Amino acid sequence: MFVPKILTACVLSSMFVLGGCETIQSNKLETTAVSSSKTIQLNSAEMMKHLQTFEKIAKDNGGNRAVGTKGGLASAQYILDEAKKAGLTAQMLPFENREKVVGQNIFVEIAGQTNESAVLIGAHYDSVKMGPGINDNASGVALLLDLMHQYTATKTKPKNTIVLAFWDSEETGIAGSQDYAKKLSPEQLKGIKAYINVDMVGTKNPDVMIADASKSSVDDMEKMLKERGMAESDYKPLLDGLRSIPTHTGDIALENLLTEFFKDKKVTLKKDVSTLTASDTAPFLGKVPVTSIIMFNEKMNGDELEFAPCYHKACDTIEQVDPKSLQLAGDAVVYLLNNIQ
């Protein structure tokens, strides 16, 4: 099992070794204001270059980058190559999903000012078999790759050590992050300050959606359904299920940080608790502080609801991606990293 050395309270000689430490820093979440002059700046133009490569990988390998396929393996190799270019070591951890397909999670560590704890940032790099998955979710992967290169190129040390997690098989059972999270001990989980999930962040004209840690959206949904005259017996099981989603005491602080960031940018937010179970945040719920950034543009396409243009289709290409959305998401991630104490 892969366990980054920064999840323990001492520096270990190998990212695969545990033991030798007696104390673990708590993942109680604190936040502090940080001057913007001390932060890195992500570059959407660089993110778009990564997306061009992922699109070419899909085009050269049957039109997709799904787990276990040639396109998926080529995508993994590209991430490994980019880590090497940045002068960092990438670690791979194989697992088997529910369809008995072997996937590969990839981890890259960016050393911080402290190695006693880490912020884990994740994005799944697999696509569905029906398309190249450039917005879903090469966009999140491109953001993480640019984050990696910006820190190393500027020789900037983040406040907390960062572990970039490139998950495989999200589109098939959220399997990669599930496999990783279930093997972490309580002590190791305490070393994770926060988990930030980045998914579909290139959507044009987006509705920015973040995790609703307070679950206020459930109350709003209940009020709406009552006003529409729906019988309580019809909606109560759904709402009870949403209210029972596990939470962590640190979730609210992350939600508040993102709310402050997007309010300053004059961006309208949607907060939805259901997004927590729909992507790679799910395995970490209640275990560590979590948040997510997703950009939707929901529309009806006939009788089908699309979460974004060409969602899970062959037309999910770079033409669907807006660099402004990528930049906004990148700025939000940097804001979080600089304000998690």
C-alpha atoms as a PDB file:
ATOM      1  CA  MET A   1       0.000   0.000   0.000  1.00  0.00           C
ATOM      2  CA  PHE A   2       1.167   3.514  -0.772  1.00  0.00           C
ATOM      3  CA  VAL A   3       1.585   5.825   2.212  1.00  0.00           C
ATOM      4  CA  PRO A   4       3.388   9.131   1.632  1.00  0.00           C
ATOM      5  CA  LYS A   5       6.073   9.816   4.202  1.00  0.00           C
ATOM      6  CA  ILE A   6       4.506  13.143   5.097  1.00  0.00           C
ATOM      7  CA  LEU A   7       1.530  11.360   6.650  1.00  0.00           C
ATOM      8  CA  THR A   8       3.721  10.509   9.619  1.00  0.00           C
ATOM      9  CA  ALA A   9       5.329  12.936  12.027  1.00  0.00           C
ATOM     10  CA  CYS A  10       8.899  12.140  11.010  1.00  0.00           C
ATOM     11  CA  VAL A  11      10.762  11.981   7.718  1.00  0.00           C
ATOM     12  CA  LEU A  12      11.030   8.428   6.432  1.00  0.00           C
ATOM     13  CA  SER A  13      13.587   7.154   3.958  1.00  0.00           C
ATOM     14  CA  SER A  14      10.977   5.618   1.682  1.00  0.00           C
ATOM     15  CA  MET A  15       7.485   6.658   0.641  1.00  0.00           C
ATOM     16  CA  PHE A  16       6.430   3.037   1.168  1.00  0.00           C
ATOM     17  CA  VAL A  17       7.751   2.673   4.740  1.00  0.00           C
ATOM     18  CA  LEU A  18       5.860   3.163   7.973  1.00  0.00           C
ATOM     19  CA  GLY A  19       6.899   3.074  11.583  1.00  0.00           C
ATOM     20  CA  GLY A  20       9.412   4.708  13.889  1.00  0.00           C
ATOM     21  CA  CYS A  21       7.177   7.615  14.919  1.00  0.00           C
ATOM     22  CA  GLU A  22       5.235   8.024  18.103  1.00  0.00           C
ATOM     23  CA  THR A  23       3.206  11.161  17.478  1.00  0.00           C
ATOM     24  CA  ILE A  24       0.916  12.187  14.664  1.00  0.00           C
ATOM     25  CA  GLN A  25      -0.231  15.738  14.056  1.00  0.00           C
ATOM     26  CA  SER A  26      -4.001  16.086  14.304  1.00  0.00           C
ATOM     27  CA  ASN A  27      -5.930  17.049  11.186  1.00  0.00           C
ATOM     28  CA  LYS A  28      -7.871  19.658  13.126  1.00  0.00           C
ATOM     29  CA  LEU A  29      -8.315  22.336  10.483  1.00  0.00           C
ATOM     30  CA  GLU A  30      -7.298  25.930  11.069  1.00  0.00           C
ATOM     31  CA  THR A  31      -7.167  28.738   8.540  1.00  0.00           C
ATOM     32  CA  THR A  32      -5.263  31.975   8.318  1.00  0.00           C
ATOM     33  CA  ALA A  33      -5.103  34.882   5.891  1.00  0.00           C
ATOM     34  CA  VAL A  34      -2.082  34.834   3.596  1.00  0.00           C
ATOM     35  CA  SER A  35      -0.734  37.716   1.551  1.00  0.00           C
ATOM     36  CA  SER A  36      -1.249  37.194  -2.182  1.00  0.00           C
ATOM     37  CA  SER A  37       2.360  38.299  -2.727  1.00  0.00           C
ATOM     38  CA  LYS A  38       3.526  35.020  -1.206  1.00  0.00           C
ATOM     39  CA  THR A  39       1.575  32.767  -3.513  1.00  0.00           C
ATOM     40  CA  ILE A  40       2.261  31.075  -6.831  1.00  0.00           C
ATOM     41  CA  GLN A  41       0.164  31.808  -9.910  1.00  0.00           C
ATOM     42  CA  LEU A  42      -1.207  29.052 -12.103  1.00  0.00           C
ATOM     43  CA  ASN A  43      -1.338  29.500 -15.869  1.00  0.00           C
ATOM     44  CA  SER A  44      -4.363  28.375 -17.885  1.00  0.00           C
ATOM     45  CA  ALA A  45      -2.301  28.440 -21.099  1.00  0.00           C
ATOM     46  CA  GLU A  46      -0.045  25.749 -19.656  1.00  0.00           C
ATOM     47  CA  MET A  47      -3.088  23.743 -18.575  1.00  0.00           C
ATOM     48  CA  MET A  48      -4.434  23.901 -22.127  1.00  0.00           C
ATOM     49  CA  LYS A  49      -1.145  22.464 -23.430  1.00  0.00           C
ATOM     50  CA  HIS A  50      -1.625  19.453 -21.151  1.00  0.00           C
ATOM     51  CA  LEU A  51      -5.178  19.064 -22.454  1.00  0.00           C
ATOM     52  CA  GLN A  52      -3.894  19.032 -26.024  1.00  0.00           C
ATOM     53  CA  THR A  53      -1.633  16.131 -25.108  1.00  0.00           C
ATOM     54  CA  PHE A  54      -4.424  14.195 -23.400  1.00  0.00           C
ATOM     55  CA  GLU A  55      -6.654  14.717 -26.430  1.00  0.00           C
ATOM     56  CA  LYS A  56      -3.927  13.401 -28.724  1.00  0.00           C
ATOM     57  CA  ILE A  57      -3.462  10.398 -26.434  1.00  0.00           C
ATOM     58  CA  ALA A  58      -7.166   9.607 -26.734  1.00  0.00           C
ATOM     59  CA  LYS A  59      -7.180  10.139 -30.493  1.00  0.00           C
ATOM     60  CA  ASP A  60      -4.220   7.798 -30.945  1.00  0.00           C
ATOM     61  CA  ASN A  61      -5.749   5.099 -28.740  1.00  0.00           C
ATOM     62  CA  GLY A  62      -9.300   4.399 -29.814  1.00  0.00           C
ATOM     63  CA  GLY A  63     -10.837   7.703 -28.767  1.00  0.00           C
ATOM     64  CA  ASN A  64     -10.704   7.272 -24.991  1.00  0.00           C
ATOM     65  CA  ARG A  65      -8.443   7.102 -21.933  1.00  0.00           C
ATOM     66  CA  ALA A  66     -10.436   4.623 -19.858  1.00  0.00           C
ATOM     67  CA  VAL A  67      -8.926   2.561 -17.056  1.00  0.00           C
ATOM     68  CA  GLY A  68      -6.849  -0.368 -18.307  1.00  0.00           C
ATOM     69  CA  THR A  69      -6.892   0.754 -21.945  1.00  0.00           C
ATOM     70  CA  LYS A  70      -3.945   1.881 -24.048  1.00  0.00           C
ATOM     71  CA  GLY A  71      -5.205   5.442 -23.696  1.00  0.00           C
ATOM     72  CA  GLY A  72      -5.394   5.098 -19.933  1.00  0.00           C
ATOM     73  CA  LEU A  73      -1.880   3.669 -19.724  1.00  0.00           C
ATOM     74  CA  ALA A  74      -0.533   6.406 -21.997  1.00  0.00           C
ATOM     75  CA  SER A  75      -2.190   9.016 -19.792  1.00  0.00           C
ATOM     76  CA  ALA A  76      -0.481   7.529 -16.748  1.00  0.00           C
ATOM     77  CA  GLN A  77       2.864   7.593 -18.534  1.00  0.00           C
ATOM     78  CA  TYR A  78       2.388  11.251 -19.424  1.00  0.00           C
ATOM     79  CA  ILE A  79       1.793  12.116 -15.763  1.00  0.00           C
ATOM     80  CA  LEU A  80       4.919  10.183 -14.785  1.00  0.00           C
ATOM     81  CA  ASP A  81       6.946  11.977 -17.470  1.00  0.00           C
ATOM     82  CA  GLU A  82       5.722  15.392 -16.306  1.00  0.00           C
ATOM     83  CA  ALA A  83       6.688  14.613 -12.711  1.00  0.00           C
ATOM     84  CA  LYS A  84      10.159  13.637 -13.912  1.00  0.00           C
ATOM     85  CA  LYS A  85      10.457  16.903 -15.863  1.00  0.00           C
ATOM     86  CA  ALA A  86       9.614  18.764 -12.662  1.00  0.00           C
ATOM     87  CA  GLY A  87      12.373  16.914 -10.831  1.00  0.00           C
ATOM     88  CA  LEU A  88       9.930  15.010  -8.632  1.00  0.00           C
ATOM     89  CA  THR A  89       9.435  11.330  -7.968  1.00  0.00           C
ATOM     90  CA  ALA A  90       6.079   9.796  -8.850  1.00  0.00           C
ATOM     91  CA  GLN A  91       4.874   6.634  -7.166  1.00  0.00           C
ATOM     92  CA  MET A  92       2.327   4.216  -8.653  1.00  0.00           C
ATOM     93  CA  LEU A  93       0.008   1.904  -6.773  1.00  0.00           C
ATOM     94  CA  PRO A  94      -1.970  -0.726  -8.703  1.00  0.00           C
ATOM     95  CA  PHE A  95      -5.431  -1.935  -7.698  1.00  0.00           C
ATOM     96  CA  GLU A  96      -8.261  -3.956  -9.210  1.00  0.00           C
ATOM     97  CA  ASN A  97     -11.704  -2.452  -9.793  1.00  0.00           C
ATOM     98  CA  ARG A  98     -15.095  -4.176  -9.683  1.00  0.00           C
ATOM     99  CA  GLU A  99     -14.716  -5.261 -13.320  1.00  0.00           C
ATOM    100  CA  LYS A 100     -11.377  -6.956 -12.476  1.00  0.00           C
ATOM    101  CA  VAL A 101      -9.491  -4.329 -14.468  1.00  0.00           C
ATOM    102  CA  VAL A 102      -6.167  -3.214 -13.016  1.00  0.00           C
ATOM    103  CA  GLY A 103      -5.815   0.537 -12.536  1.00  0.00           C
ATOM    104  CA  GLN A 104      -2.896   2.656 -11.388  1.00  0.00           C
ATOM    105  CA  ASN A 105      -3.073   5.477  -8.860  1.00  0.00           C
ATOM    106  CA  ILE A 106      -0.192   7.954  -9.135  1.00  0.00           C
ATOM    107  CA  PHE A 107       1.160  10.107  -6.295  1.00  0.00           C
ATOM    108  CA  VAL A 108       3.564  13.037  -6.427  1.00  0.00           C
ATOM    109  CA  GLU A 109       4.807  14.803  -3.306  1.00  0.00           C
ATOM    110  CA  ILE A 110       5.718  18.494  -3.159  1.00  0.00           C
ATOM    111  CA  ALA A 111       7.710  19.094   0.018  1.00  0.00           C
ATOM    112  CA  GLY A 112       6.364  21.866   2.209  1.00  0.00           C
ATOM    113  CA  GLN A 113       7.594  23.985   5.057  1.00  0.00           C
ATOM    114  CA  THR A 114       6.352  21.220   7.352  1.00  0.00           C
ATOM    115  CA  ASN A 115       6.515  17.480   6.752  1.00  0.00           C
ATOM    116  CA  GLU A 116       4.336  16.602   9.728  1.00  0.00           C
ATOM    117  CA  SER A 117       1.119  16.709   7.738  1.00  0.00           C
ATOM    118  CA  ALA A 118      -0.107  17.056   4.180  1.00  0.00           C
ATOM    119  CA  VAL A 119      -2.839  18.449   2.010  1.00  0.00           C
ATOM    120  CA  LEU A 120      -4.031  15.831  -0.468  1.00  0.00           C
ATOM    121  CA  ILE A 121      -5.296  17.146  -3.810  1.00  0.00           C
ATOM    122  CA  GLY A 122      -6.912  14.679  -6.179  1.00  0.00           C
ATOM    123  CA  ALA A 123      -8.149  14.477  -9.748  1.00  0.00           C
ATOM    124  CA  HIS A 124      -9.086  11.355 -11.691  1.00  0.00           C
ATOM    125  CA  TYR A 125      -7.230  10.858 -14.960  1.00  0.00           C
ATOM    126  CA  ASP A 126      -9.363   8.119 -16.512  1.00  0.00           C
ATOM    127  CA  SER A 127     -12.144   8.834 -18.999  1.00  0.00           C
ATOM    128  CA  VAL A 128     -15.276   6.917 -19.863  1.00  0.00           C
ATOM    129  CA  LYS A 129     -15.002   4.492 -22.775  1.00  0.00           C
ATOM    130  CA  MET A 130     -17.344   6.650 -24.847  1.00  0.00           C
ATOM    131  CA  GLY A 131     -14.999   9.620 -25.184  1.00  0.00           C
ATOM    132  CA  PRO A 132     -11.664  11.314 -24.506  1.00  0.00           C
ATOM    133  CA  GLY A 133     -12.727  12.926 -21.237  1.00  0.00           C
ATOM    134  CA  ILE A 134     -10.968  16.246 -21.739  1.00  0.00           C
ATOM    135  CA  ASN A 135     -13.199  18.277 -19.434  1.00  0.00           C
ATOM    136  CA  ASP A 136     -14.072  15.170 -17.393  1.00  0.00           C
ATOM    137  CA  ASN A 137     -11.435  15.028 -16.104  1.00  0.00           C
ATOM    138  CA  ALA A 138      -8.250  15.857 -17.949  1.00  0.00           C
ATOM    139  CA  SER A 139      -9.069  19.430 -16.875  1.00  0.00           C
ATOM    140  CA  GLY A 140      -8.529  18.569 -13.206  1.00  0.00           C
ATOM    141  CA  VAL A 141      -5.358  16.646 -14.037  1.00  0.00           C
ATOM    142  CA  ALA A 142      -4.009  19.578 -16.068  1.00  0.00           C
ATOM    143  CA  LEU A 143      -4.580  21.863 -13.090  1.00  0.00           C
ATOM    144  CA  LEU A 144      -2.621  19.535 -10.806  1.00  0.00           C
ATOM    145  CA  LEU A 145       0.219  19.244 -13.322  1.00  0.00           C
ATOM    146  CA  ASP A 146       0.500  23.013 -13.631  1.00  0.00           C
ATOM    147  CA  LEU A 147       0.424  23.332  -9.845  1.00  0.00           C
ATOM    148  CA  MET A 148       3.311  20.870  -9.667  1.00  0.00           C
ATOM    149  CA  HIS A 149       5.359  22.710 -12.276  1.00  0.00           C
ATOM    150  CA  GLN A 150       4.702  26.154 -10.793  1.00  0.00           C
ATOM    151  CA  TYR A 151       5.935  25.126  -7.353  1.00  0.00           C
ATOM    152  CA  THR A 152       9.081  23.482  -8.687  1.00  0.00           C
ATOM    153  CA  ALA A 153       9.913  26.117 -11.297  1.00  0.00           C
ATOM    154  CA  THR A 154       9.657  28.952  -8.769  1.00  0.00           C
ATOM    155  CA  LYS A 155      11.290  26.907  -5.992  1.00  0.00           C
ATOM    156  CA  THR A 156       8.355  27.869  -3.786  1.00  0.00           C
ATOM    157  CA  LYS A 157       7.702  25.730  -0.724  1.00  0.00           C
ATOM    158  CA  PRO A 158       4.032  25.396   0.141  1.00  0.00           C
ATOM    159  CA  LYS A 159       3.028  25.887   3.746  1.00  0.00           C
ATOM    160  CA  ASN A 160       1.927  22.274   4.104  1.00  0.00           C
ATOM    161  CA  THR A 161       3.468  19.433   2.156  1.00  0.00           C
ATOM    162  CA  ILE A 162       1.233  18.648  -0.812  1.00  0.00           C
ATOM    163  CA  VAL A 163       0.489  15.203  -2.174  1.00  0.00           C
ATOM    164  CA  LEU A 164      -0.973  15.221  -5.667  1.00  0.00           C
ATOM    165  CA  ALA A 165      -3.161  12.163  -6.225  1.00  0.00           C
ATOM    166  CA  PHE A 166      -3.991  11.183  -9.798  1.00  0.00           C
ATOM    167  CA  TRP A 167      -6.791   8.655  -9.390  1.00  0.00           C
ATOM    168  CA  ASP A 168      -7.588   5.922 -11.879  1.00  0.00           C
ATOM    169  CA  SER A 169     -10.973   4.227 -12.399  1.00  0.00           C
ATOM    170  CA  GLU A 170     -13.140   7.015 -11.003  1.00  0.00           C
ATOM    171  CA  GLU A 171     -15.514   6.391 -13.895  1.00  0.00           C
ATOM    172  CA  THR A 172     -15.778   2.749 -12.858  1.00  0.00           C
ATOM    173  CA  GLY A 173     -16.813   2.596  -9.233  1.00  0.00           C
ATOM    174  CA  ILE A 174     -14.648   5.446  -7.877  1.00  0.00           C
ATOM    175  CA  ALA A 175     -12.244   2.549  -7.423  1.00  0.00           C
ATOM    176  CA  GLY A 176      -8.816   4.178  -7.242  1.00  0.00           C
ATOM    177  CA  SER A 177      -9.485   6.570  -4.390  1.00  0.00           C
ATOM    178  CA  GLN A 178     -11.593   3.925  -2.626  1.00  0.00           C
ATOM    179  CA  ASP A 179      -8.707   1.483  -2.677  1.00  0.00           C
ATOM    180  CA  TYR A 180      -6.291   4.073  -1.300  1.00  0.00           C
ATOM    181  CA  ALA A 181      -8.530   5.485   1.431  1.00  0.00           C
ATOM    182  CA  LYS A 182      -9.688   2.160   2.844  1.00  0.00           C
ATOM    183  CA  LYS A 183      -6.093   1.110   3.550  1.00  0.00           C
ATOM    184  CA  LEU A 184      -5.188   4.186   5.587  1.00  0.00           C
ATOM    185  CA  SER A 185      -5.015   3.694   9.338  1.00  0.00           C
ATOM    186  CA  PRO A 186      -6.599   6.206  11.763  1.00  0.00           C
ATOM    187  CA  GLU A 187      -3.114   7.496  12.556  1.00  0.00           C
ATOM    188  CA  GLN A 188      -2.327   8.060   8.892  1.00  0.00           C
ATOM    189  CA  LEU A 189      -5.644   9.810   8.317  1.00  0.00           C
ATOM    190  CA  LYS A 190      -4.762  12.251  11.086  1.00  0.00           C
ATOM    191  CA  GLY A 191      -1.796  13.382   9.011  1.00  0.00           C
ATOM    192  CA  ILE A 192      -4.064  14.606   6.196  1.00  0.00           C
ATOM    193  CA  LYS A 193      -4.993  18.252   6.784  1.00  0.00           C
ATOM    194  CA  ALA A 194      -7.532  18.249   3.966  1.00  0.00           C
ATOM    195  CA  TYR A 195      -8.579  16.461   0.809  1.00  0.00           C
ATOM    196  CA  ILE A 196      -9.399  18.746  -2.140  1.00  0.00           C
ATOM    197  CA  ASN A 197     -11.088  17.166  -5.166  1.00  0.00           C
ATOM    198  CA  VAL A 198     -10.843  18.830  -8.581  1.00  0.00           C
ATOM    199  CA  ASP A 199     -13.220  17.533 -11.261  1.00  0.00           C
ATOM    200  CA  MET A 200     -14.588  19.037 -14.492  1.00  0.00           C
ATOM    201  CA  VAL A 201     -13.071  22.493 -14.019  1.00  0.00           C
ATOM    202  CA  GLY A 202     -12.945  23.534 -17.669  1.00  0.00           C
ATOM    203  CA  THR A 203     -16.677  23.905 -18.316  1.00  0.00           C
ATOM    204  CA  LYS A 204     -17.761  26.923 -20.368  1.00  0.00           C
ATOM    205  CA  ASN A 205     -20.193  29.376 -18.731  1.00  0.00           C
ATOM    206  CA  PRO A 206     -20.157  27.272 -15.587  1.00  0.00           C
ATOM    207  CA  ASP A 207     -22.157  27.087 -12.439  1.00  0.00           C
ATOM    208  CA  VAL A 208     -19.432  26.712  -9.831  1.00  0.00           C
ATOM    209  CA  MET A 209     -20.397  23.979  -7.425  1.00  0.00           C
ATOM    210  CA  ILE A 210     -18.708  23.275  -4.099  1.00  0.00           C
ATOM    211  CA  ALA A 211     -19.391  20.746  -1.395  1.00  0.00           C
ATOM    212  CA  ASP A 212     -22.179  21.713   0.983  1.00  0.00           C
ATOM    213  CA  ALA A 213     -20.662  20.651   4.277  1.00  0.00           C
ATOM    214  CA  SER A 214     -23.416  22.327   6.297  1.00  0.00           C
ATOM    215  CA  LYS A 215     -26.070  20.419   4.303  1.00  0.00           C
ATOM    216  CA  SER A 216     -28.203  23.549   4.076  1.00  0.00           C
ATOM    217  CA  SER A 217     -29.020  22.599   0.483  1.00  0.00           C
ATOM    218  CA  VAL A 218     -30.941  19.603   1.804  1.00  0.00           C
ATOM    219  CA  ASP A 219     -33.183  21.897   3.825  1.00  0.00           C
ATOM    220  CA  ASP A 220     -33.727  24.068   0.754  1.00  0.00           C
ATOM    221  CA  MET A 221     -34.627  20.987  -1.275  1.00  0.00           C
ATOM    222  CA  GLU A 222     -37.113  19.855   1.357  1.00  0.00           C
ATOM    223  CA  LYS A 223     -38.764  23.271   1.396  1.00  0.00           C
ATOM    224  CA  MET A 224     -39.037  23.284  -2.404  1.00  0.00           C
ATOM    225  CA  LEU A 225     -40.558  19.801  -2.552  1.00  0.00           C
ATOM    226  CA  LYS A 226     -43.101  20.669   0.134  1.00  0.00           C
ATOM    227  CA  GLU A 227     -44.101  23.802  -1.763  1.00  0.00           C
ATOM    228  CA  ARG A 228     -44.601  21.695  -4.888  1.00  0.00           C
ATOM    229  CA  GLY A 229     -47.009  19.478  -2.978  1.00  0.00           C
ATOM    230  CA  MET A 230     -44.921  16.319  -3.074  1.00  0.00           C
ATOM    231  CA  ALA A 231     -45.852  13.750  -0.446  1.00  0.00           C
ATOM    232  CA  GLU A 232     -43.317  13.465   2.381  1.00  0.00           C
ATOM    233  CA  SER A 233     -43.148   9.698   1.907  1.00  0.00           C
ATOM    234  CA  ASP A 234     -41.853  10.266  -1.638  1.00  0.00           C
ATOM    235  CA  TYR A 235     -38.941  12.554  -0.792  1.00  0.00           C
ATOM    236  CA  LYS A 236     -38.053  11.696   2.821  1.00  0.00           C
ATOM    237  CA  PRO A 237     -35.888   8.617   2.014  1.00  0.00           C
ATOM    238  CA  LEU A 238     -33.775  10.671  -0.420  1.00  0.00           C
ATOM    239  CA  LEU A 239     -33.320  13.571   1.989  1.00  0.00           C
ATOM    240  CA  ASP A 240     -32.611  11.261   4.914  1.00  0.00           C
ATOM    241  CA  GLY A 241     -29.898   9.648   2.819  1.00  0.00           C
ATOM    242  CA  LEU A 242     -28.311  13.023   2.040  1.00  0.00           C
ATOM    243  CA  ARG A 243     -28.425  14.062   5.681  1.00  0.00           C
ATOM    244  CA  SER A 244     -26.701  10.822   6.691  1.00  0.00           C
ATOM    245  CA  ILE A 245     -23.632  11.468   4.495  1.00  0.00           C
ATOM    246  CA  PRO A 246     -20.634  11.400   6.880  1.00  0.00           C
ATOM    247  CA  THR A 247     -19.031  14.724   7.734  1.00  0.00           C
ATOM    248  CA  HIS A 248     -15.822  15.885   9.420  1.00  0.00           C
ATOM    249  CA  THR A 249     -15.505  18.835  11.771  1.00  0.00           C
ATOM    250  CA  GLY A 250     -13.046  20.446   9.354  1.00  0.00           C
ATOM    251  CA  ASP A 251     -15.390  20.398   6.337  1.00  0.00           C
ATOM    252  CA  ILE A 252     -17.096  23.680   7.218  1.00  0.00           C
ATOM    253  CA  ALA A 253     -13.819  25.618   7.352  1.00  0.00           C
ATOM    254  CA  LEU A 254     -12.969  24.513   3.810  1.00  0.00           C
ATOM    255  CA  GLU A 255     -16.452  25.423   2.581  1.00  0.00           C
ATOM    256  CA  ASN A 256     -16.116  28.862   4.191  1.00  0.00           C
ATOM    257  CA  LEU A 257     -12.745  29.459   2.523  1.00  0.00           C
ATOM    258  CA  LEU A 258     -14.121  28.664  -0.924  1.00  0.00           C
ATOM    259  CA  THR A 259     -17.206  30.783  -0.246  1.00  0.00           C
ATOM    260  CA  GLU A 260     -14.982  33.733   0.652  1.00  0.00           C
ATOM    261  CA  PHE A 261     -12.828  33.232  -2.435  1.00  0.00           C
ATOM    262  CA  PHE A 262     -15.674  33.067  -4.936  1.00  0.00           C
ATOM    263  CA  LYS A 263     -17.539  35.918  -3.234  1.00  0.00           C
ATOM    264  CA  ASP A 264     -14.438  38.091  -3.679  1.00  0.00           C
ATOM    265  CA  LYS A 265     -14.406  37.079  -7.362  1.00  0.00           C
ATOM    266  CA  LYS A 266     -18.118  37.938  -7.592  1.00  0.00           C
ATOM    267  CA  VAL A 267     -18.871  34.404  -8.732  1.00  0.00           C
ATOM    268  CA  THR A 268     -22.222  32.875  -7.825  1.00  0.00           C
ATOM    269  CA  LEU A 269     -21.898  29.533  -6.080  1.00  0.00           C
ATOM    270  CA  LYS A 270     -24.063  26.475  -5.920  1.00  0.00           C
ATOM    271  CA  LYS A 271     -23.615  24.322  -2.849  1.00  0.00           C
ATOM    272  CA  ASP A 272     -24.667  20.699  -3.139  1.00  0.00           C
ATOM    273  CA  VAL A 273     -24.149  17.905  -0.652  1.00  0.00           C
ATOM    274  CA  SER A 274     -24.838  15.182  -3.224  1.00  0.00           C
ATOM    275  CA  THR A 275     -21.634  15.990  -5.136  1.00  0.00           C
ATOM    276  CA  LEU A 276     -19.676  14.587  -2.203  1.00  0.00           C
ATOM    277  CA  THR A 277     -20.732  11.041  -3.047  1.00  0.00           C
ATOM    278  CA  ALA A 278     -20.379  11.361  -6.835  1.00  0.00           C
ATOM    279  CA  SER A 279     -16.609  11.602  -7.180  1.00  0.00           C
ATOM    280  CA  ASP A 280     -13.346  10.964  -5.364  1.00  0.00           C
ATOM    281  CA  THR A 281     -14.413  12.828  -2.227  1.00  0.00           C
ATOM    282  CA  ALA A 282     -16.654   9.871  -1.328  1.00  0.00           C
ATOM    283  CA  PRO A 283     -13.988   7.581   0.208  1.00  0.00           C
ATOM    284  CA  PHE A 284     -12.700  10.358   2.497  1.00  0.00           C
ATOM    285  CA  LEU A 285     -16.040  11.545   3.906  1.00  0.00           C
ATOM    286  CA  GLY A 286     -15.993  11.765   7.689  1.00  0.00           C
ATOM    287  CA  LYS A 287     -12.348  10.666   7.795  1.00  0.00           C
ATOM    288  CA  VAL A 288     -10.544  13.894   6.876  1.00  0.00           C
ATOM    289  CA  PRO A 289     -11.696  17.444   6.046  1.00  0.00           C
ATOM    290  CA  VAL A 290     -12.900  17.422   2.439  1.00  0.00           C
ATOM    291  CA  THR A 291     -14.041  19.847  -0.202  1.00  0.00           C
ATOM    292  CA  SER A 292     -14.488  19.812  -3.956  1.00  0.00           C
ATOM    293  CA  ILE A 293     -14.567  22.185  -6.906  1.00  0.00           C
ATOM    294  CA  ILE A 294     -16.778  21.169  -9.831  1.00  0.00           C
ATOM    295  CA  MET A 295     -18.004  23.302 -12.709  1.00  0.00           C
ATOM    296  CA  PHE A 296     -21.366  22.291 -14.140  1.00  0.00           C
ATOM    297  CA  ASN A 297     -23.539  23.754 -16.868  1.00  0.00           C
ATOM    298  CA  GLU A 298     -26.673  21.680 -16.544  1.00  0.00           C
ATOM    299  CA  LYS A 299     -28.986  21.529 -19.528  1.00  0.00           C
ATOM    300  CA  MET A 300     -31.584  19.166 -20.902  1.00  0.00           C
ATOM    301  CA  ASN A 301     -30.540  17.476 -24.134  1.00  0.00           C
ATOM    302  CA  GLY A 302     -33.847  16.001 -25.179  1.00  0.00           C
ATOM    303  CA  ASP A 303     -34.884  13.783 -22.287  1.00  0.00           C
ATOM    304  CA  GLU A 304     -31.317  13.568 -20.998  1.00  0.00           C
ATOM    305  CA  LEU A 305     -29.800  15.857 -18.368  1.00  0.00           C
ATOM    306  CA  GLU A 306     -26.226  16.834 -19.208  1.00  0.00           C
ATOM    307  CA  PHE A 307     -24.068  18.104 -16.364  1.00  0.00           C
ATOM    308  CA  ALA A 308     -21.820  19.860 -18.879  1.00  0.00           C
ATOM    309  CA  PRO A 309     -21.670  20.042 -22.681  1.00  0.00           C
ATOM    310  CA  CYS A 310     -20.767  16.620 -24.132  1.00  0.00           C
ATOM    311  CA  TYR A 311     -20.640  15.039 -20.673  1.00  0.00           C
ATOM    312  CA  HIS A 312     -19.511  11.392 -21.066  1.00  0.00           C
ATOM    313  CA  LYS A 313     -19.598  11.645 -24.847  1.00  0.00           C
ATOM    314  CA  ALA A 314     -17.132  11.497 -27.731  1.00  0.00           C
ATOM    315  CA  CYS A 315     -17.435  15.270 -28.130  1.00  0.00           C
ATOM    316  CA  ASP A 316     -15.892  15.942 -24.682  1.00  0.00           C
ATOM    317  CA  THR A 317     -12.910  17.519 -26.430  1.00  0.00           C
ATOM    318  CA  ILE A 318     -10.741  20.566 -25.871  1.00  0.00           C
ATOM    319  CA  GLU A 319     -13.321  22.655 -27.754  1.00  0.00           C
ATOM    320  CA  GLN A 320     -15.576  22.292 -24.710  1.00  0.00           C
ATOM    321  CA  VAL A 321     -12.984  23.788 -22.349  1.00  0.00           C
ATOM    322  CA  ASP A 322     -12.775  27.458 -21.355  1.00  0.00           C
ATOM    323  CA  PRO A 323      -9.328  28.632 -20.156  1.00  0.00           C
ATOM    324  CA  LYS A 324     -11.067  31.206 -17.934  1.00  0.00           C
ATOM    325  CA  SER A 325     -12.749  28.406 -16.014  1.00  0.00           C
ATOM    326  CA  LEU A 326      -9.433  26.606 -15.612  1.00  0.00           C
ATOM    327  CA  GLN A 327      -7.813  29.794 -14.316  1.00  0.00           C
ATOM    328  CA  LEU A 328     -10.619  30.427 -11.826  1.00  0.00           C
ATOM    329  CA  ALA A 329     -10.397  26.886 -10.480  1.00  0.00           C
ATOM    330  CA  GLY A 330      -6.615  27.091 -10.268  1.00  0.00           C
ATOM    331  CA  ASP A 331      -6.782  30.350  -8.336  1.00  0.00           C
ATOM    332  CA  ALA A 332      -9.295  28.782  -5.948  1.00  0.00           C
ATOM    333  CA  VAL A 333      -7.023  25.806  -5.265  1.00  0.00           C
ATOM    334  CA  VAL A 334      -4.031  28.072  -4.601  1.00  0.00           C
ATOM    335  CA  TYR A 335      -6.186  30.159  -2.259  1.00  0.00           C
ATOM    336  CA  LEU A 336      -7.094  27.047  -0.295  1.00  0.00           C
ATOM    337  CA  LEU A 337      -3.481  25.885  -0.087  1.00  0.00           C
ATOM    338  CA  ASN A 338      -2.338  29.251   1.208  1.00  0.00           C
ATOM    339  CA  ASN A 339      -5.068  29.506   3.817  1.00  0.00           C
ATOM    340  CA  ILE A 340      -5.061  26.032   5.354  1.00  0.00           C
ATOM    341  CA  GLN A 341      -2.926  26.412   8.458  1.00  0.00           C
END
